[in-house]
Amino acid sequence: MLNTGTCNNFTIGCNQKDKLGLLNFKQRVIDLSGVLSSWNPDQDCCQWRRVNCDHITGRVTRLNLPCSIHLFLLLVELEFLNYLNLSNNDFLTLQFDSIHQNCHNLSERNFAKLSKLKTLAIYSSPPLIFDCDSHWVPLFQLERLALGFAGPNLPEWLYTQRYLKRLSIFDSSFVAKSKFWNFVSRVSELDLEYNLIVGNLSNNVLLNSSFVSLTSNDLKGSLSRLSSNVAIFDASNNSLSGTIFPLLCDHKMLNGKGSLIYLDITRNNLSGELTNCWKNWKSLIHVNLGSNNLTGKIPSSMGSLFSLTSLHLHENNLYGTIPTSLQNCHSLLIFNVHENNLSGNIPDWIPHDVRVLQLRSNNFSGNIPTQISSLVFNNASESSLYFSFALSNSLTYFFGDSLELVTKGRVSEYRTNLHFMTLIDMSSNNLFGTVPPQMFSLVGLCSLNFLESLDLSTNQFWGEIPQVSYIGNPDLCGPPLTKICWQDGEHKDSKPIDEDEDKDEFLSWFYIGIESGFVTGFLGVSCALFFNRKWRHAYFRFLYNMRNRFYVMVLIKMNSSR
């Protein structure tokens, strides 16, 4: 594969017709970032930045200019071009006479000679307006399309693309009717994140793409059906309602061959029970059904998810006990069921390698099982909490687990640094008895290599306890509490410990905390920009806008001083 903007020593020079086309394109843009500075008429255009040529014919095949230029007129005259990326550029000054009229003008002037085009990425903020003749049929047949536009209607020419493998729509508002959902069922990868989609996902909608991301679209209606081809399904942060039965229990469609590995439908309005159809989805690795209105018991069929590494059922209305069948999930690293109505004893079969055990705000009772004391909190590898999925064109999509944790009374969300976290939270339950002393010698829990937290607050413990979270347990005694423990189980008040003696130690840990917080925050922001394409693009657009404003201010100052 050729590197961007280079040709090897065995290729012929750039085609002169394509060179003139690129120079003509350059005249119609404002190159504030200087990315086109290498486009020198005296040099081979195959050596220009962001340009790729065919190493045999010398014809320009790729033009990659994201976040780089301001366009006055979108006119690309490169007949062998198969890749065009103009995403996140400034189209505000674009001469819309070439787009706003009809698609005859659009095809003649904008894409007239792009019959070889296979990949097109064109979107900006605010989105472009495509007001096209509904009968226009482009000369190209795309395989990958990334689009941003102002609605309310989808461009009709989209439906003429018969060989589309990947469709991405960003920052757009449009009406999605049955015609659209039928069309995208033929697309292998469907990415519709962060739009405003007017339409319902009803039982008549069948999603067939291997990769489906519908997060943050304000989608309404019931969940769609999934075919056995779907491996990734993310419909989080919408307004979906109804039960999860249509999504998981279409036995005729699945035929026992479900290949789903990632399921996230958190932050919706889903209700009803969890169903007992989990045996159809034995390949699942990640399940997040949190922040809904689900009721009933945790079904025993969830124990058939042998590859499961993270299970999120938090903030629902689940009740009953935790089924013993979950002990078959030997790879479980995150078990998050906080803020439900679960009851019974805490299971004594918690997987040995669990990283996060979130049991907060339920009705669990009884003693803490001694088996928890044998957990080994070794530093989990980053890959164990990150998932990857191979996309077309030799690309890989990475996505990581996230968790909202209450540590030391403060709510924090962990994403890219979650693999450093180890936590047991059994607060706000009805636990009683003594706390096993082994709990405070858990390997790794209090290591400086981890963000540690052990929360047992708001229960009914009694007896001696080392320094942990003890608020809400009035019968606890022993340092650092002011109540002295006696052999008969009674206690009496004692004077508080002089805190001045620990002042120096406190300051040293305070400075260590500041330094650790700075490093963690810096890495968190950097990783967030690296893995979240929307945030990264927004950040660089902000930087470019600031630079442009500074440039204009300098010019105004220089002119006024003359």
Protein backbone atom coordinates (compact mmCIF):
# COMPACT_ATOMS: atom_id res chain seq x y z
CA MET A 1 0.00 0.00 0.00
CA LEU A 2 1.30 3.46 -0.87
CA ASN A 3 1.88 6.04 1.81
CA THR A 4 -0.18 9.24 1.53
CA GLY A 5 1.27 11.69 -0.96
CA THR A 6 4.16 9.51 -2.17
CA CYS A 7 5.07 7.36 -5.15
CA ASN A 8 7.88 4.86 -5.25
CA ASN A 9 10.85 5.06 -7.55
CA PHE A 10 9.35 2.65 -10.08
CA THR A 11 6.27 4.72 -10.93
CA ILE A 12 5.77 7.16 -13.74
CA GLY A 13 5.16 10.82 -13.00
CA CYS A 14 1.86 12.45 -12.22
CA ASN A 15 -0.59 12.77 -15.08
CA GLN A 16 -0.52 16.37 -16.34
CA LYS A 17 -4.29 16.50 -16.75
CA ASP A 18 -4.77 15.51 -13.11
CA LYS A 19 -2.10 18.00 -12.06
CA LEU A 20 -3.98 20.84 -13.75
CA GLY A 21 -7.20 19.62 -12.12
CA LEU A 22 -5.61 19.77 -8.66
CA LEU A 23 -4.18 23.24 -9.28
CA ASN A 24 -7.60 24.36 -10.47
CA PHE A 25 -9.09 22.93 -7.26
CA LYS A 26 -6.47 24.78 -5.18
CA GLN A 27 -7.50 28.11 -6.69
CA ARG A 28 -11.03 27.64 -5.34
CA VAL A 29 -10.10 27.10 -1.69
CA ILE A 30 -8.56 29.05 1.17
CA ASP A 31 -5.71 27.01 2.60
CA LEU A 32 -5.46 28.41 6.14
CA SER A 33 -3.66 25.35 7.48
CA GLY A 34 -1.02 25.35 4.75
CA VAL A 35 -1.74 21.74 3.88
CA LEU A 36 -1.66 22.61 0.16
CA SER A 37 1.66 24.45 0.37
CA SER A 38 3.40 21.45 -1.16
CA TRP A 39 1.22 21.69 -4.25
CA ASN A 40 3.98 23.29 -6.30
CA PRO A 41 3.47 23.35 -10.10
CA ASP A 42 7.16 22.53 -10.55
CA GLN A 43 6.92 19.26 -8.61
CA ASP A 44 5.36 15.89 -9.33
CA CYS A 45 1.80 16.03 -7.98
CA CYS A 46 2.13 12.44 -6.74
CA GLN A 47 4.54 13.85 -4.16
CA TRP A 48 2.10 16.48 -2.94
CA ARG A 49 0.66 16.13 0.54
CA ARG A 50 -2.72 14.39 0.86
CA VAL A 51 -2.53 13.10 -2.74
CA ASN A 52 -2.18 9.46 -3.82
CA CYS A 53 -1.51 8.21 -7.32
CA ASP A 54 -1.76 4.86 -9.01
CA HIS A 55 1.81 3.53 -9.12
CA ILE A 56 1.34 2.18 -12.66
CA THR A 57 -0.70 4.84 -14.48
CA GLY A 58 0.28 7.90 -12.46
CA ARG A 59 -3.38 8.98 -12.24
CA VAL A 60 -4.57 10.61 -9.00
CA THR A 61 -6.78 8.14 -7.11
CA ARG A 62 -7.04 9.61 -3.60
CA LEU A 63 -7.60 13.11 -2.26
CA ASN A 64 -7.64 13.28 1.53
CA LEU A 65 -8.31 16.79 2.91
CA PRO A 66 -10.22 16.59 6.21
CA CYS A 67 -10.23 19.60 8.57
CA SER A 68 -7.93 21.56 6.25
CA ILE A 69 -9.50 24.11 3.93
CA HIS A 70 -12.27 26.61 3.24
CA LEU A 71 -14.06 25.90 0.00
CA PHE A 72 -15.52 28.51 -2.34
CA LEU A 73 -16.58 26.04 -5.00
CA LEU A 74 -16.75 22.27 -4.86
CA LEU A 75 -15.41 21.22 -8.23
CA VAL A 76 -13.14 18.18 -8.53
CA GLU A 77 -12.02 17.22 -12.04
CA LEU A 78 -10.18 13.95 -11.44
CA GLU A 79 -11.77 11.21 -13.48
CA PHE A 80 -9.83 8.35 -11.86
CA LEU A 81 -10.41 9.51 -8.29
CA ASN A 82 -11.82 6.71 -6.11
CA TYR A 83 -11.37 8.29 -2.64
CA LEU A 84 -12.47 11.82 -1.72
CA ASN A 85 -12.45 13.05 1.88
CA LEU A 86 -13.54 16.67 2.46
CA SER A 87 -15.00 16.11 5.91
CA ASN A 88 -15.05 18.80 8.60
CA ASN A 89 -14.04 21.62 6.29
CA ASP A 90 -15.60 25.06 6.13
CA PHE A 91 -18.37 25.03 3.54
CA LEU A 92 -19.93 28.27 4.81
CA THR A 93 -18.52 30.26 1.88
CA LEU A 94 -19.36 27.58 -0.67
CA GLN A 95 -21.06 28.88 -3.80
CA PHE A 96 -24.32 27.00 -3.41
CA ASP A 97 -25.32 27.69 -7.00
CA SER A 98 -23.52 24.47 -7.82
CA ILE A 99 -25.38 22.49 -5.18
CA HIS A 100 -28.59 24.31 -4.52
CA GLN A 101 -30.05 24.15 -7.99
CA ASN A 102 -30.78 20.69 -9.32
CA CYS A 103 -28.84 17.51 -9.50
CA HIS A 104 -28.13 18.01 -13.15
CA ASN A 105 -25.88 20.88 -12.15
CA LEU A 106 -24.53 18.85 -9.26
CA SER A 107 -23.58 15.94 -11.49
CA GLU A 108 -22.29 18.12 -14.30
CA ARG A 109 -20.22 20.53 -12.22
CA ASN A 110 -19.47 18.86 -8.92
CA PHE A 111 -19.11 15.16 -9.63
CA ALA A 112 -19.24 15.10 -13.42
CA LYS A 113 -16.05 13.11 -13.93
CA LEU A 114 -15.99 11.06 -10.73
CA SER A 115 -17.37 7.83 -12.13
CA LYS A 116 -14.62 5.82 -10.38
CA LEU A 117 -15.45 7.19 -6.93
CA LYS A 118 -15.76 4.46 -4.25
CA THR A 119 -15.31 6.42 -1.00
CA LEU A 120 -16.84 9.81 -0.28
CA ALA A 121 -16.71 11.73 3.01
CA ILE A 122 -18.39 15.13 2.95
CA TYR A 123 -19.88 16.69 6.04
CA SER A 124 -19.40 19.84 8.09
CA SER A 125 -20.94 21.85 10.89
CA PRO A 126 -23.40 23.36 10.15
CA PRO A 127 -24.39 20.57 7.75
CA LEU A 128 -24.67 21.00 4.00
CA ILE A 129 -27.98 21.32 2.22
CA PHE A 130 -28.60 18.95 -0.68
CA ASP A 131 -31.63 20.21 -2.57
CA CYS A 132 -31.45 17.82 -5.47
CA ASP A 133 -33.68 16.56 -8.22
CA SER A 134 -35.06 13.26 -6.98
CA HIS A 135 -34.42 11.67 -10.39
CA TRP A 136 -30.67 12.30 -10.42
CA VAL A 137 -28.56 9.15 -10.66
CA PRO A 138 -24.83 9.68 -9.92
CA LEU A 139 -22.21 8.26 -12.23
CA PHE A 140 -20.45 6.62 -9.29
CA GLN A 141 -21.35 3.59 -7.18
CA LEU A 142 -19.95 4.10 -3.69
CA GLU A 143 -18.73 1.45 -1.26
CA ARG A 144 -18.22 3.81 1.72
CA LEU A 145 -20.11 7.03 2.37
CA ALA A 146 -19.78 9.47 5.29
CA LEU A 147 -22.37 12.21 5.03
CA GLY A 148 -23.69 15.16 6.97
CA PHE A 149 -26.64 17.19 5.73
CA ALA A 150 -29.54 19.36 6.79
CA GLY A 151 -32.90 17.57 6.64
CA PRO A 152 -35.62 16.82 6.87
CA ASN A 153 -35.31 14.48 3.89
CA LEU A 154 -32.55 12.11 2.96
CA PRO A 155 -30.87 12.77 -0.41
CA GLU A 156 -32.73 10.61 -2.89
CA TRP A 157 -29.55 9.72 -4.75
CA LEU A 158 -28.50 7.74 -1.68
CA TYR A 159 -30.92 4.98 -2.66
CA THR A 160 -29.18 4.57 -6.03
CA GLN A 161 -26.04 3.23 -4.34
CA ARG A 162 -26.40 -0.53 -4.75
CA TYR A 163 -22.94 -1.63 -3.53
CA LEU A 164 -22.65 0.42 -0.36
CA LYS A 165 -20.75 -1.44 2.39
CA ARG A 166 -20.46 1.28 5.03
CA LEU A 167 -22.81 4.20 5.66
CA SER A 168 -22.03 6.89 8.24
CA ILE A 169 -24.32 9.87 8.88
CA PHE A 170 -23.30 12.50 11.43
CA ASP A 171 -24.85 15.63 12.93
CA SER A 172 -27.92 15.43 10.71
CA SER A 173 -31.66 15.60 11.17
CA PHE A 174 -33.88 13.52 8.93
CA VAL A 175 -37.00 11.41 8.72
CA ALA A 176 -36.28 7.66 8.58
CA LYS A 177 -39.15 5.79 6.96
CA SER A 178 -39.41 2.10 6.16
CA LYS A 179 -37.70 2.74 2.82
CA PHE A 180 -34.57 3.87 4.65
CA TRP A 181 -34.48 0.92 7.05
CA ASN A 182 -34.99 -1.53 4.18
CA PHE A 183 -32.13 0.13 2.32
CA VAL A 184 -29.65 0.02 5.21
CA SER A 185 -30.40 -3.66 5.83
CA ARG A 186 -28.13 -4.31 2.82
CA VAL A 187 -25.27 -2.24 4.29
CA SER A 188 -22.59 -4.17 6.19
CA GLU A 189 -21.67 -1.34 8.58
CA LEU A 190 -24.19 1.24 9.75
CA ASP A 191 -23.00 4.20 11.84
CA LEU A 192 -25.74 6.72 12.68
CA GLU A 193 -24.35 8.24 15.88
CA TYR A 194 -25.40 11.66 17.17
CA ASN A 195 -28.21 12.57 14.81
CA LEU A 196 -31.82 13.56 15.27
CA ILE A 197 -33.76 10.79 13.54
CA VAL A 198 -37.51 11.17 13.30
CA GLY A 199 -39.02 7.71 13.07
CA ASN A 200 -39.73 4.54 14.98
CA LEU A 201 -37.85 1.28 15.24
CA SER A 202 -40.83 -1.04 15.08
CA ASN A 203 -41.13 -4.80 14.93
CA ASN A 204 -41.14 -4.51 11.15
CA VAL A 205 -37.57 -3.17 11.10
CA LEU A 206 -34.91 -5.83 10.68
CA LEU A 207 -31.31 -4.78 11.21
CA ASN A 208 -28.93 -6.97 9.26
CA SER A 209 -25.61 -5.08 9.35
CA SER A 210 -22.71 -6.66 11.21
CA PHE A 211 -21.99 -3.28 12.84
CA VAL A 212 -24.92 -1.10 14.00
CA SER A 213 -24.47 2.09 16.03
CA LEU A 214 -27.63 4.13 16.68
CA THR A 215 -26.52 5.86 19.86
CA SER A 216 -27.80 9.35 20.77
CA ASN A 217 -30.48 9.83 18.13
CA ASP A 218 -33.63 10.36 20.22
CA LEU A 219 -35.12 7.29 18.50
CA LYS A 220 -38.60 6.33 19.66
CA GLY A 221 -40.77 3.26 19.44
CA SER A 222 -39.94 -0.34 20.23
CA LEU A 223 -36.69 -2.16 19.60
CA SER A 224 -36.05 -3.62 16.17
CA ARG A 225 -35.26 -7.21 15.34
CA LEU A 226 -31.68 -8.39 14.87
CA SER A 227 -30.53 -10.90 12.31
CA SER A 228 -27.84 -13.47 13.04
CA ASN A 229 -25.34 -11.28 11.12
CA VAL A 230 -25.28 -8.50 13.73
CA ALA A 231 -22.13 -8.54 15.89
CA ILE A 232 -22.19 -5.00 17.35
CA PHE A 233 -25.44 -3.29 18.39
CA ASP A 234 -25.42 0.04 20.23
CA ALA A 235 -28.73 1.89 20.66
CA SER A 236 -27.86 3.64 23.91
CA ASN A 237 -29.09 7.09 24.91
CA ASN A 238 -32.36 7.13 22.95
CA SER A 239 -36.05 7.16 23.85
CA LEU A 240 -36.85 3.57 22.96
CA SER A 241 -39.69 1.92 24.88
CA GLY A 242 -41.39 -1.46 25.18
CA THR A 243 -39.73 -4.75 26.00
CA ILE A 244 -36.48 -6.29 24.81
CA PHE A 245 -38.31 -9.38 23.56
CA PRO A 246 -38.40 -8.33 19.84
CA LEU A 247 -34.66 -7.70 19.89
CA LEU A 248 -33.56 -11.01 21.34
CA CYS A 249 -36.28 -13.61 20.85
CA ASP A 250 -36.95 -13.89 17.12
CA HIS A 251 -36.13 -17.61 16.93
CA LYS A 252 -37.16 -17.96 13.27
CA MET A 253 -34.73 -15.27 12.18
CA LEU A 254 -31.83 -16.40 14.38
CA ASN A 255 -32.13 -20.15 13.87
CA GLY A 256 -29.75 -20.60 16.80
CA LYS A 257 -26.86 -18.82 15.06
CA GLY A 258 -26.64 -15.40 16.75
CA SER A 259 -23.17 -13.82 16.45
CA LEU A 260 -23.76 -10.76 18.68
CA ILE A 261 -20.74 -9.89 20.84
CA TYR A 262 -21.57 -6.34 22.00
CA LEU A 263 -25.01 -5.16 23.18
CA ASP A 264 -25.63 -1.69 24.64
CA ILE A 265 -29.18 -0.36 25.07
CA THR A 266 -28.57 1.64 28.22
CA ARG A 267 -30.34 4.97 28.96
CA ASN A 268 -33.67 4.27 27.27
CA ASN A 269 -37.24 3.79 28.53
CA LEU A 270 -37.38 0.02 28.15
CA SER A 271 -39.64 -1.96 30.45
CA GLY A 272 -40.75 -5.53 31.06
CA GLU A 273 -38.60 -8.50 32.01
CA LEU A 274 -35.15 -9.51 30.80
CA THR A 275 -36.64 -12.47 28.85
CA ASN A 276 -35.13 -15.94 28.86
CA CYS A 277 -33.70 -15.94 25.32
CA TRP A 278 -30.05 -15.45 26.17
CA LYS A 279 -29.10 -18.93 24.97
CA ASN A 280 -29.38 -17.55 21.42
CA TRP A 281 -26.51 -15.13 22.08
CA LYS A 282 -23.73 -17.24 23.59
CA SER A 283 -21.03 -15.15 21.86
CA LEU A 284 -21.86 -12.01 23.88
CA ILE A 285 -18.90 -10.34 25.59
CA HIS A 286 -20.46 -7.06 26.72
CA VAL A 287 -24.08 -6.52 27.88
CA ASN A 288 -25.33 -3.14 29.12
CA LEU A 289 -29.04 -2.86 29.93
CA GLY A 290 -28.65 -0.21 32.64
CA SER A 291 -30.69 2.94 33.28
CA ASN A 292 -34.03 1.60 32.03
CA ASN A 293 -37.26 0.49 33.71
CA LEU A 294 -36.73 -3.25 33.44
CA THR A 295 -38.39 -5.46 36.04
CA GLY A 296 -38.48 -9.10 37.09
CA LYS A 297 -35.69 -11.48 38.01
CA ILE A 298 -32.32 -12.01 36.40
CA PRO A 299 -32.99 -15.02 34.12
CA SER A 300 -30.98 -18.17 34.62
CA SER A 301 -30.27 -18.33 30.86
CA MET A 302 -27.76 -15.50 31.32
CA GLY A 303 -25.50 -18.16 32.74
CA SER A 304 -25.06 -19.48 29.19
CA LEU A 305 -23.04 -16.37 28.25
CA PHE A 306 -19.73 -18.14 28.85
CA SER A 307 -17.60 -15.38 27.21
CA LEU A 308 -19.18 -12.49 29.10
CA THR A 309 -16.67 -10.01 30.55
CA SER A 310 -18.97 -7.15 31.62
CA LEU A 311 -22.60 -7.21 32.72
CA HIS A 312 -24.41 -3.94 33.50
CA LEU A 313 -27.96 -4.19 34.87
CA HIS A 314 -27.84 -1.10 37.08
CA GLU A 315 -30.60 1.43 37.76
CA ASN A 316 -33.57 -0.78 36.96
CA ASN A 317 -36.31 -2.40 39.05
CA LEU A 318 -34.98 -5.94 39.13
CA TYR A 319 -35.78 -8.10 42.13
CA GLY A 320 -35.10 -11.58 43.47
CA THR A 321 -31.75 -13.26 44.00
CA ILE A 322 -28.74 -13.45 41.73
CA PRO A 323 -29.05 -16.78 39.88
CA THR A 324 -26.38 -19.35 40.56
CA SER A 325 -26.09 -20.02 36.83
CA LEU A 326 -24.01 -16.83 36.51
CA GLN A 327 -21.12 -18.71 38.08
CA ASN A 328 -20.64 -20.21 34.60
CA CYS A 329 -19.47 -16.77 33.40
CA HIS A 330 -15.85 -17.41 34.36
CA SER A 331 -14.50 -14.43 32.37
CA LEU A 332 -16.65 -11.83 34.14
CA LEU A 333 -14.63 -8.74 35.08
CA ILE A 334 -17.41 -6.21 35.77
CA PHE A 335 -20.64 -7.09 37.57
CA ASN A 336 -22.77 -3.97 37.98
CA VAL A 337 -26.27 -4.27 39.47
CA HIS A 338 -26.41 -1.19 41.69
CA GLU A 339 -29.72 0.56 42.42
CA ASN A 340 -32.15 -2.33 41.97
CA ASN A 341 -34.29 -4.32 44.41
CA LEU A 342 -32.22 -7.48 44.43
CA SER A 343 -32.25 -9.48 47.68
CA GLY A 344 -30.83 -12.58 49.29
CA ASN A 345 -27.24 -13.28 50.17
CA ILE A 346 -24.26 -12.01 48.23
CA PRO A 347 -23.13 -14.92 46.03
CA ASP A 348 -20.11 -16.87 47.18
CA TRP A 349 -19.09 -17.79 43.63
CA ILE A 350 -17.90 -14.36 42.43
CA PRO A 351 -15.31 -14.95 39.64
CA HIS A 352 -11.76 -14.92 40.88
CA ASP A 353 -10.61 -12.19 38.46
CA VAL A 354 -13.48 -9.73 38.89
CA ARG A 355 -12.40 -6.07 38.66
CA VAL A 356 -15.55 -4.22 39.72
CA LEU A 357 -18.29 -5.56 41.99
CA GLN A 358 -21.13 -3.02 42.14
CA LEU A 359 -23.90 -4.18 44.52
CA ARG A 360 -24.77 -0.77 45.97
CA SER A 361 -28.36 0.22 46.89
CA ASN A 362 -30.13 -3.13 46.86
CA ASN A 363 -31.69 -5.32 49.57
CA PHE A 364 -28.89 -7.86 50.00
CA SER A 365 -28.69 -9.32 53.49
CA GLY A 366 -26.57 -11.70 55.51
CA ASN A 367 -22.82 -11.83 56.01
CA ILE A 368 -20.14 -10.97 53.51
CA PRO A 369 -19.07 -14.32 52.03
CA THR A 370 -15.52 -15.25 52.89
CA GLN A 371 -14.92 -16.20 49.24
CA ILE A 372 -14.74 -12.49 48.34
CA SER A 373 -11.71 -12.27 50.59
CA SER A 374 -9.81 -14.54 48.19
CA LEU A 375 -10.22 -12.26 45.18
CA VAL A 376 -6.95 -11.20 43.56
CA PHE A 377 -7.07 -7.67 42.14
CA ASN A 378 -4.17 -7.82 39.76
CA ASN A 379 -3.82 -4.96 37.29
CA ALA A 380 -6.06 -5.95 34.40
CA SER A 381 -4.65 -5.47 30.95
CA GLU A 382 -6.17 -2.66 28.93
CA SER A 383 -7.18 -5.10 26.20
CA SER A 384 -9.38 -7.06 28.60
CA LEU A 385 -11.78 -4.10 28.92
CA TYR A 386 -11.49 -2.92 25.32
CA PHE A 387 -13.15 -4.56 22.37
CA SER A 388 -12.22 -4.45 18.72
CA PHE A 389 -14.20 -5.27 15.63
CA ALA A 390 -12.74 -5.65 12.14
CA LEU A 391 -14.41 -3.32 9.63
CA SER A 392 -14.10 -3.25 5.88
CA ASN A 393 -11.10 -1.72 4.12
CA SER A 394 -8.70 -3.21 6.71
CA LEU A 395 -10.00 -0.89 9.45
CA THR A 396 -10.69 -1.85 13.06
CA TYR A 397 -13.26 -0.25 15.34
CA PHE A 398 -12.26 0.00 19.01
CA PHE A 399 -14.66 0.62 21.85
CA GLY A 400 -14.16 0.38 25.58
CA ASP A 401 -16.24 -0.26 28.66
CA SER A 402 -17.28 2.60 30.90
CA LEU A 403 -18.58 2.76 34.43
CA GLU A 404 -19.96 5.37 36.80
CA LEU A 405 -18.48 4.78 40.23
CA VAL A 406 -19.15 6.33 43.61
CA THR A 407 -15.79 6.43 45.39
CA LYS A 408 -15.39 8.19 48.71
CA GLY A 409 -18.70 10.00 48.25
CA ARG A 410 -17.90 11.36 44.79
CA VAL A 411 -19.44 10.21 41.49
CA SER A 412 -16.85 9.65 38.76
CA GLU A 413 -17.08 8.13 35.30
CA TYR A 414 -14.24 5.91 34.17
CA ARG A 415 -13.63 5.08 30.52
CA THR A 416 -10.10 4.87 29.14
CA ASN A 417 -8.61 4.42 32.61
CA LEU A 418 -11.13 1.83 33.80
CA HIS A 419 -8.61 -0.99 33.59
CA PHE A 420 -6.72 0.69 36.47
CA MET A 421 -9.82 0.58 38.67
CA THR A 422 -10.59 -2.00 41.34
CA LEU A 423 -13.73 -1.59 43.41
CA ILE A 424 -16.07 -3.42 45.73
CA ASP A 425 -19.22 -1.45 46.59
CA MET A 426 -21.75 -3.18 48.85
CA SER A 427 -23.06 0.00 50.49
CA SER A 428 -26.73 0.73 51.23
CA ASN A 429 -27.86 -2.86 51.73
CA ASN A 430 -28.99 -4.88 54.76
CA LEU A 431 -25.73 -6.68 55.40
CA PHE A 432 -24.89 -7.53 58.98
CA GLY A 433 -22.40 -9.38 61.12
CA THR A 434 -18.66 -8.83 61.31
CA VAL A 435 -16.53 -7.80 58.38
CA PRO A 436 -14.03 -10.58 57.50
CA PRO A 437 -10.54 -9.33 58.38
CA GLN A 438 -9.27 -10.81 55.11
CA MET A 439 -11.22 -8.10 53.26
CA PHE A 440 -8.49 -5.64 54.14
CA SER A 441 -5.64 -7.74 52.85
CA LEU A 442 -7.03 -8.20 49.33
CA VAL A 443 -4.13 -8.38 46.92
CA GLY A 444 -4.05 -5.27 44.72
CA LEU A 445 -7.01 -3.45 46.24
CA CYS A 446 -4.90 -0.92 48.13
CA SER A 447 -1.87 -0.95 45.88
CA LEU A 448 -0.53 2.41 44.72
CA ASN A 449 -0.85 1.12 41.15
CA PHE A 450 -4.64 1.27 41.38
CA LEU A 451 -7.49 3.61 42.18
CA GLU A 452 -8.74 1.77 45.20
CA SER A 453 -12.18 1.77 46.83
CA LEU A 454 -13.94 -0.50 49.27
CA ASP A 455 -17.37 0.80 50.32
CA LEU A 456 -19.39 -1.01 52.99
CA SER A 457 -21.35 2.00 54.26
CA THR A 458 -25.03 2.05 55.32
CA ASN A 459 -25.37 -1.54 56.52
CA GLN A 460 -25.70 -3.15 59.95
CA PHE A 461 -22.17 -4.34 60.66
CA TRP A 462 -20.80 -4.65 64.17
CA GLY A 463 -17.41 -5.47 65.64
CA GLU A 464 -13.91 -4.14 64.97
CA ILE A 465 -13.08 -2.81 61.54
CA PRO A 466 -9.97 -1.20 60.04
CA GLN A 467 -10.10 2.20 58.32
CA VAL A 468 -12.60 1.90 55.47
CA SER A 469 -15.94 3.46 54.57
CA TYR A 470 -18.03 2.93 57.73
CA ILE A 471 -20.65 5.69 57.60
CA GLY A 472 -24.15 4.49 58.47
CA ASN A 473 -23.06 1.53 60.65
CA PRO A 474 -23.57 2.87 64.21
CA ASP A 475 -22.43 -0.30 65.97
CA LEU A 476 -18.92 -0.41 64.47
CA CYS A 477 -16.02 0.22 66.84
CA GLY A 478 -12.27 0.40 66.90
CA PRO A 479 -9.76 2.86 65.39
CA PRO A 480 -10.17 5.23 63.67
CA LEU A 481 -13.61 5.44 65.26
CA THR A 482 -14.06 7.02 68.70
CA LYS A 483 -15.72 3.86 70.08
CA ILE A 484 -13.49 1.34 71.85
CA CYS A 485 -14.24 -2.34 71.30
CA TRP A 486 -14.41 -4.68 74.36
CA GLN A 487 -14.30 -8.44 74.49
CA ASP A 488 -17.96 -8.68 75.43
CA GLY A 489 -18.92 -6.86 72.26
CA GLU A 490 -19.79 -3.63 74.06
CA HIS A 491 -18.00 -0.33 73.51
CA LYS A 492 -17.58 3.07 75.06
CA ASP A 493 -16.67 6.49 73.74
CA SER A 494 -13.06 7.60 73.60
CA LYS A 495 -11.36 10.84 72.71
CA PRO A 496 -10.69 11.60 69.06
CA ILE A 497 -7.26 10.95 67.68
CA ASP A 498 -5.03 14.04 67.50
CA GLU A 499 -4.99 14.93 63.81
CA ASP A 500 -1.94 17.22 64.09
CA GLU A 501 0.29 14.18 64.34
CA ASP A 502 -0.72 13.13 60.84
CA LYS A 503 -0.47 16.59 59.27
CA ASP A 504 2.82 15.96 57.48
CA GLU A 505 1.64 12.60 56.17
CA PHE A 506 -1.58 14.19 54.94
CA LEU A 507 0.30 16.92 53.05
CA SER A 508 2.57 14.38 51.35
CA TRP A 509 -0.39 12.32 50.20
CA PHE A 510 -2.19 15.53 49.18
CA TYR A 511 0.63 16.49 46.80
CA ILE A 512 0.82 12.96 45.46
CA GLY A 513 -2.93 13.12 44.80
CA ILE A 514 -2.57 16.40 42.91
CA GLU A 515 0.19 14.99 40.70
CA SER A 516 -1.71 11.75 40.07
CA GLY A 517 -4.89 13.67 39.29
CA PHE A 518 -3.11 15.87 36.75
CA VAL A 519 -1.55 12.90 34.96
CA THR A 520 -4.83 10.96 34.98
CA GLY A 521 -6.81 13.95 33.74
CA PHE A 522 -4.32 14.71 30.97
CA LEU A 523 -4.28 11.09 29.78
CA GLY A 524 -8.07 10.92 30.04
CA VAL A 525 -8.57 13.95 27.79
CA SER A 526 -5.91 12.77 25.33
CA CYS A 527 -7.39 9.27 25.09
CA ALA A 528 -10.91 10.68 24.77
CA LEU A 529 -9.81 12.80 21.79
CA PHE A 530 -8.01 9.79 20.31
CA PHE A 531 -10.89 7.31 20.54
CA ASN A 532 -13.88 9.67 20.07
CA ARG A 533 -13.92 10.95 16.50
CA LYS A 534 -16.71 13.50 17.13
CA TRP A 535 -14.85 15.11 20.05
CA ARG A 536 -11.57 15.10 18.12
CA HIS A 537 -13.09 16.84 15.13
CA ALA A 538 -14.84 19.38 17.34
CA TYR A 539 -11.57 20.10 19.17
CA PHE A 540 -9.60 20.74 15.97
CA ARG A 541 -12.43 22.85 14.53
CA PHE A 542 -12.21 24.96 17.67
CA LEU A 543 -8.45 25.35 17.26
CA TYR A 544 -8.79 26.33 13.61
CA ASN A 545 -11.51 28.86 14.42
CA MET A 546 -9.34 30.40 17.15
CA ARG A 547 -6.41 30.63 14.79
CA ASN A 548 -8.54 32.29 12.11
CA ARG A 549 -9.86 34.84 14.60
CA PHE A 550 -6.37 35.62 15.82
CA TYR A 551 -5.18 36.03 12.23
CA VAL A 552 -8.00 38.48 11.45
CA MET A 553 -7.33 40.44 14.66
CA VAL A 554 -3.64 40.79 13.74
CA LEU A 555 -4.51 42.02 10.25
CA ILE A 556 -6.97 44.56 11.62
CA LYS A 557 -4.40 45.83 14.13
CA MET A 558 -1.71 46.13 11.47
CA ASN A 559 -4.03 47.99 9.08
CA SER A 560 -5.27 50.37 11.75
CA SER A 561 -1.72 51.24 12.84
CA ARG A 562 -0.71 52.35 9.36
